[in-house]
Amino acid sequence: MQLTQEEVKKIALLCRIELTDAEVTKFQAELSQVLGYIEELNQVDTSSVEPISQVTGLQNVLREDTARLSEFREKIIANFPDRKDNYLKIKNIL
């Protein structure tokens, strides 16, 4: 598939890039070559190929999302620079 210079300029406009006339000519040939490869791939018979989403065999391991107290809560609170009861005391933000 051979792209026209106008098509390359439109693609450049959509991509928000500015091309010189030499770059338009260069990309006209390169993009046409890429589209040619895609056309070639579209002709390959993939009807007997099973669709896959990943090839590693790994699966997501999910755990129940439940609220629980941290086992380090007391140590964390002890490290607060300034605290009141079990709360971190900070300067006013507003």
N, C-alpha and C. Protein backbone atom coordinates (compact mmCIF):
# COMPACT_ATOMS: atom_id res chain seq x y z
N MET A 1 0.84 -1.18 0.00
CA MET A 1 0.00 0.00 0.00
C MET A 1 0.88 1.24 0.00
N GLN A 2 0.69 2.09 -0.96
CA GLN A 2 1.50 3.30 -1.09
C GLN A 2 0.71 4.49 -0.56
N LEU A 3 1.26 5.14 0.47
CA LEU A 3 0.64 6.33 1.02
C LEU A 3 0.97 7.55 0.16
N THR A 4 0.06 8.49 0.11
CA THR A 4 0.33 9.75 -0.58
C THR A 4 0.97 10.72 0.40
N GLN A 5 1.57 11.77 -0.13
CA GLN A 5 2.18 12.77 0.74
C GLN A 5 1.12 13.47 1.60
N GLU A 6 -0.08 13.63 1.05
CA GLU A 6 -1.15 14.26 1.82
C GLU A 6 -1.53 13.39 3.02
N GLU A 7 -1.55 12.06 2.83
CA GLU A 7 -1.87 11.16 3.93
C GLU A 7 -0.79 11.22 5.02
N VAL A 8 0.47 11.30 4.62
CA VAL A 8 1.56 11.40 5.58
C VAL A 8 1.46 12.72 6.35
N LYS A 9 1.12 13.81 5.65
CA LYS A 9 0.97 15.11 6.31
C LYS A 9 -0.20 15.07 7.30
N LYS A 10 -1.28 14.37 6.94
CA LYS A 10 -2.42 14.26 7.84
C LYS A 10 -2.04 13.46 9.08
N ILE A 11 -1.29 12.37 8.90
CA ILE A 11 -0.82 11.57 10.03
C ILE A 11 0.07 12.42 10.94
N ALA A 12 0.95 13.20 10.34
CA ALA A 12 1.83 14.08 11.12
C ALA A 12 1.02 15.11 11.90
N LEU A 13 -0.01 15.65 11.27
CA LEU A 13 -0.88 16.61 11.95
C LEU A 13 -1.58 15.97 13.13
N LEU A 14 -2.10 14.75 12.95
CA LEU A 14 -2.76 14.04 14.03
C LEU A 14 -1.80 13.71 15.17
N CYS A 15 -0.53 13.47 14.83
CA CYS A 15 0.49 13.17 15.84
C CYS A 15 1.09 14.44 16.44
N ARG A 16 0.68 15.58 15.92
CA ARG A 16 1.18 16.87 16.39
C ARG A 16 2.69 17.01 16.22
N ILE A 17 3.18 16.54 15.05
CA ILE A 17 4.60 16.72 14.74
C ILE A 17 4.72 17.48 13.42
N GLU A 18 5.76 18.25 13.32
CA GLU A 18 5.99 19.04 12.12
C GLU A 18 7.06 18.35 11.28
N LEU A 19 6.76 18.16 10.01
CA LEU A 19 7.69 17.49 9.11
C LEU A 19 8.11 18.42 7.98
N THR A 20 9.38 18.31 7.60
CA THR A 20 9.85 19.02 6.41
C THR A 20 9.42 18.22 5.19
N ASP A 21 9.58 18.82 4.01
CA ASP A 21 9.22 18.11 2.78
C ASP A 21 10.06 16.84 2.59
N ALA A 22 11.34 16.93 2.98
CA ALA A 22 12.22 15.75 2.87
C ALA A 22 11.75 14.65 3.81
N GLU A 23 11.32 15.02 5.03
CA GLU A 23 10.83 14.03 5.98
C GLU A 23 9.52 13.41 5.52
N VAL A 24 8.66 14.21 4.88
CA VAL A 24 7.41 13.68 4.35
C VAL A 24 7.71 12.60 3.32
N THR A 25 8.65 12.87 2.43
CA THR A 25 9.02 11.91 1.39
C THR A 25 9.62 10.64 2.03
N LYS A 26 10.49 10.83 3.03
CA LYS A 26 11.13 9.70 3.71
C LYS A 26 10.07 8.83 4.41
N PHE A 27 9.18 9.48 5.18
CA PHE A 27 8.17 8.74 5.92
C PHE A 27 7.11 8.15 5.00
N GLN A 28 6.91 8.74 3.85
CA GLN A 28 5.96 8.18 2.88
C GLN A 28 6.43 6.78 2.49
N ALA A 29 7.71 6.65 2.22
CA ALA A 29 8.26 5.34 1.83
C ALA A 29 8.27 4.37 3.01
N GLU A 30 8.70 4.86 4.19
CA GLU A 30 8.82 3.97 5.35
C GLU A 30 7.45 3.50 5.85
N LEU A 31 6.48 4.40 5.94
CA LEU A 31 5.15 4.00 6.40
C LEU A 31 4.47 3.08 5.39
N SER A 32 4.70 3.32 4.10
CA SER A 32 4.14 2.44 3.08
C SER A 32 4.71 1.04 3.21
N GLN A 33 6.00 0.96 3.54
CA GLN A 33 6.64 -0.34 3.72
C GLN A 33 6.05 -1.06 4.94
N VAL A 34 5.83 -0.35 6.03
CA VAL A 34 5.24 -0.95 7.22
C VAL A 34 3.84 -1.47 6.92
N LEU A 35 3.05 -0.67 6.22
CA LEU A 35 1.70 -1.10 5.86
C LEU A 35 1.73 -2.30 4.93
N GLY A 36 2.75 -2.39 4.09
CA GLY A 36 2.92 -3.56 3.23
C GLY A 36 3.15 -4.82 4.05
N TYR A 37 3.97 -4.71 5.11
CA TYR A 37 4.20 -5.84 6.00
C TYR A 37 2.90 -6.27 6.68
N ILE A 38 2.11 -5.30 7.08
CA ILE A 38 0.83 -5.61 7.74
C ILE A 38 -0.11 -6.32 6.78
N GLU A 39 -0.15 -5.87 5.54
CA GLU A 39 -0.98 -6.54 4.53
C GLU A 39 -0.52 -7.99 4.34
N GLU A 40 0.81 -8.18 4.36
CA GLU A 40 1.36 -9.52 4.21
C GLU A 40 0.96 -10.41 5.39
N LEU A 41 0.99 -9.86 6.60
CA LEU A 41 0.59 -10.62 7.78
C LEU A 41 -0.90 -10.94 7.76
N ASN A 42 -1.72 -10.06 7.20
CA ASN A 42 -3.16 -10.29 7.13
C ASN A 42 -3.50 -11.47 6.21
N GLN A 43 -2.58 -11.84 5.32
CA GLN A 43 -2.83 -12.94 4.41
C GLN A 43 -2.50 -14.30 5.02
N VAL A 44 -1.86 -14.31 6.18
CA VAL A 44 -1.50 -15.57 6.84
C VAL A 44 -2.74 -16.22 7.42
N ASP A 45 -2.88 -17.53 7.19
CA ASP A 45 -4.04 -18.27 7.70
C ASP A 45 -3.81 -18.59 9.18
N THR A 46 -4.61 -17.97 10.04
CA THR A 46 -4.51 -18.20 11.48
C THR A 46 -5.75 -18.89 12.03
N SER A 47 -6.54 -19.49 11.18
CA SER A 47 -7.80 -20.10 11.62
C SER A 47 -7.57 -21.27 12.57
N SER A 48 -6.44 -21.95 12.47
CA SER A 48 -6.19 -23.11 13.35
C SER A 48 -5.37 -22.74 14.58
N VAL A 49 -5.07 -21.46 14.77
CA VAL A 49 -4.28 -21.01 15.91
C VAL A 49 -5.22 -20.60 17.04
N GLU A 50 -4.99 -21.18 18.22
CA GLU A 50 -5.84 -20.86 19.36
C GLU A 50 -5.44 -19.51 19.95
N PRO A 51 -6.40 -18.64 20.21
CA PRO A 51 -6.08 -17.33 20.80
C PRO A 51 -5.50 -17.49 22.20
N ILE A 52 -4.51 -16.67 22.53
CA ILE A 52 -3.92 -16.68 23.87
C ILE A 52 -3.78 -15.24 24.35
N SER A 53 -3.80 -15.08 25.65
CA SER A 53 -3.63 -13.74 26.21
C SER A 53 -2.25 -13.56 26.82
N GLN A 54 -1.60 -14.67 27.18
CA GLN A 54 -0.24 -14.62 27.69
C GLN A 54 0.39 -15.99 27.53
N VAL A 55 1.71 -16.06 27.58
CA VAL A 55 2.39 -17.31 27.26
C VAL A 55 3.18 -17.90 28.42
N THR A 56 3.23 -17.24 29.56
CA THR A 56 4.07 -17.72 30.66
C THR A 56 3.39 -18.78 31.52
N GLY A 57 2.06 -18.85 31.50
CA GLY A 57 1.35 -19.79 32.34
C GLY A 57 1.11 -19.27 33.75
N LEU A 58 1.59 -18.07 34.03
CA LEU A 58 1.38 -17.50 35.36
C LEU A 58 -0.06 -17.05 35.53
N GLN A 59 -0.54 -17.11 36.76
CA GLN A 59 -1.89 -16.67 37.06
C GLN A 59 -1.84 -15.65 38.19
N ASN A 60 -2.81 -14.74 38.22
CA ASN A 60 -2.90 -13.79 39.31
C ASN A 60 -3.25 -14.52 40.60
N VAL A 61 -2.58 -14.14 41.67
CA VAL A 61 -2.88 -14.69 42.97
C VAL A 61 -3.49 -13.55 43.78
N LEU A 62 -4.77 -13.68 44.08
CA LEU A 62 -5.47 -12.62 44.79
C LEU A 62 -5.81 -13.09 46.19
N ARG A 63 -5.82 -12.15 47.11
CA ARG A 63 -6.23 -12.45 48.47
C ARG A 63 -7.45 -11.62 48.80
N GLU A 64 -8.17 -12.04 49.80
CA GLU A 64 -9.34 -11.31 50.26
C GLU A 64 -8.89 -9.96 50.81
N ASP A 65 -9.55 -8.90 50.42
CA ASP A 65 -9.21 -7.56 50.88
C ASP A 65 -9.99 -7.27 52.15
N THR A 66 -9.35 -7.50 53.28
CA THR A 66 -10.00 -7.30 54.57
C THR A 66 -9.18 -6.34 55.43
N ALA A 67 -9.88 -5.55 56.24
CA ALA A 67 -9.20 -4.63 57.15
C ALA A 67 -8.67 -5.42 58.33
N ARG A 68 -7.45 -5.12 58.74
CA ARG A 68 -6.87 -5.77 59.92
C ARG A 68 -5.81 -4.86 60.51
N LEU A 69 -5.55 -5.01 61.76
CA LEU A 69 -4.55 -4.21 62.43
C LEU A 69 -3.16 -4.71 62.07
N SER A 70 -2.25 -3.77 61.95
CA SER A 70 -0.87 -4.13 61.64
C SER A 70 -0.21 -4.70 62.89
N GLU A 71 0.64 -5.66 62.71
CA GLU A 71 1.36 -6.22 63.85
C GLU A 71 2.45 -5.27 64.36
N PHE A 72 2.74 -4.23 63.56
CA PHE A 72 3.78 -3.26 63.93
C PHE A 72 3.19 -1.95 64.42
N ARG A 73 1.91 -1.93 64.71
CA ARG A 73 1.21 -0.69 65.06
C ARG A 73 1.88 0.04 66.22
N GLU A 74 2.15 -0.66 67.29
CA GLU A 74 2.74 -0.02 68.48
C GLU A 74 4.14 0.53 68.19
N LYS A 75 4.92 -0.19 67.39
CA LYS A 75 6.26 0.30 67.05
C LYS A 75 6.19 1.55 66.17
N ILE A 76 5.23 1.56 65.28
CA ILE A 76 5.06 2.72 64.40
C ILE A 76 4.64 3.94 65.22
N ILE A 77 3.67 3.76 66.10
CA ILE A 77 3.20 4.87 66.93
C ILE A 77 4.33 5.38 67.84
N ALA A 78 5.16 4.50 68.35
CA ALA A 78 6.28 4.90 69.20
C ALA A 78 7.28 5.77 68.45
N ASN A 79 7.33 5.65 67.13
CA ASN A 79 8.27 6.45 66.33
C ASN A 79 7.70 7.78 65.87
N PHE A 80 6.44 8.08 66.18
CA PHE A 80 5.87 9.39 65.81
C PHE A 80 6.68 10.48 66.51
N PRO A 81 7.08 11.51 65.79
CA PRO A 81 7.85 12.58 66.43
C PRO A 81 7.01 13.37 67.44
N ASP A 82 5.75 13.58 67.13
CA ASP A 82 4.86 14.31 68.04
C ASP A 82 3.50 13.63 67.96
N ARG A 83 2.98 13.20 69.10
CA ARG A 83 1.73 12.45 69.06
C ARG A 83 0.82 12.85 70.21
N LYS A 84 -0.43 12.58 70.01
CA LYS A 84 -1.44 12.76 71.05
C LYS A 84 -2.26 11.48 71.07
N ASP A 85 -2.25 10.80 72.15
CA ASP A 85 -2.84 9.47 72.28
C ASP A 85 -2.19 8.57 71.22
N ASN A 86 -2.99 7.98 70.35
CA ASN A 86 -2.44 7.10 69.31
C ASN A 86 -2.51 7.75 67.93
N TYR A 87 -2.46 9.08 67.90
CA TYR A 87 -2.56 9.80 66.63
C TYR A 87 -1.30 10.62 66.38
N LEU A 88 -0.91 10.71 65.14
CA LEU A 88 0.21 11.54 64.74
C LEU A 88 -0.24 12.99 64.77
N LYS A 89 0.51 13.84 65.46
CA LYS A 89 0.16 15.25 65.57
C LYS A 89 1.02 16.03 64.59
N ILE A 90 0.34 16.81 63.73
CA ILE A 90 1.04 17.60 62.71
C ILE A 90 0.60 19.05 62.80
N LYS A 91 1.34 19.94 62.12
CA LYS A 91 0.96 21.34 62.07
C LYS A 91 -0.28 21.49 61.18
N ASN A 92 -1.03 22.56 61.39
CA ASN A 92 -2.18 22.84 60.55
C ASN A 92 -1.76 22.99 59.11
N ILE A 93 -2.52 22.46 58.20
CA ILE A 93 -2.19 22.53 56.78
C ILE A 93 -2.79 23.78 56.15
N LEU A 94 -3.97 24.16 56.57
CA LEU A 94 -4.63 25.32 55.96
C LEU A 94 -4.27 26.60 56.65
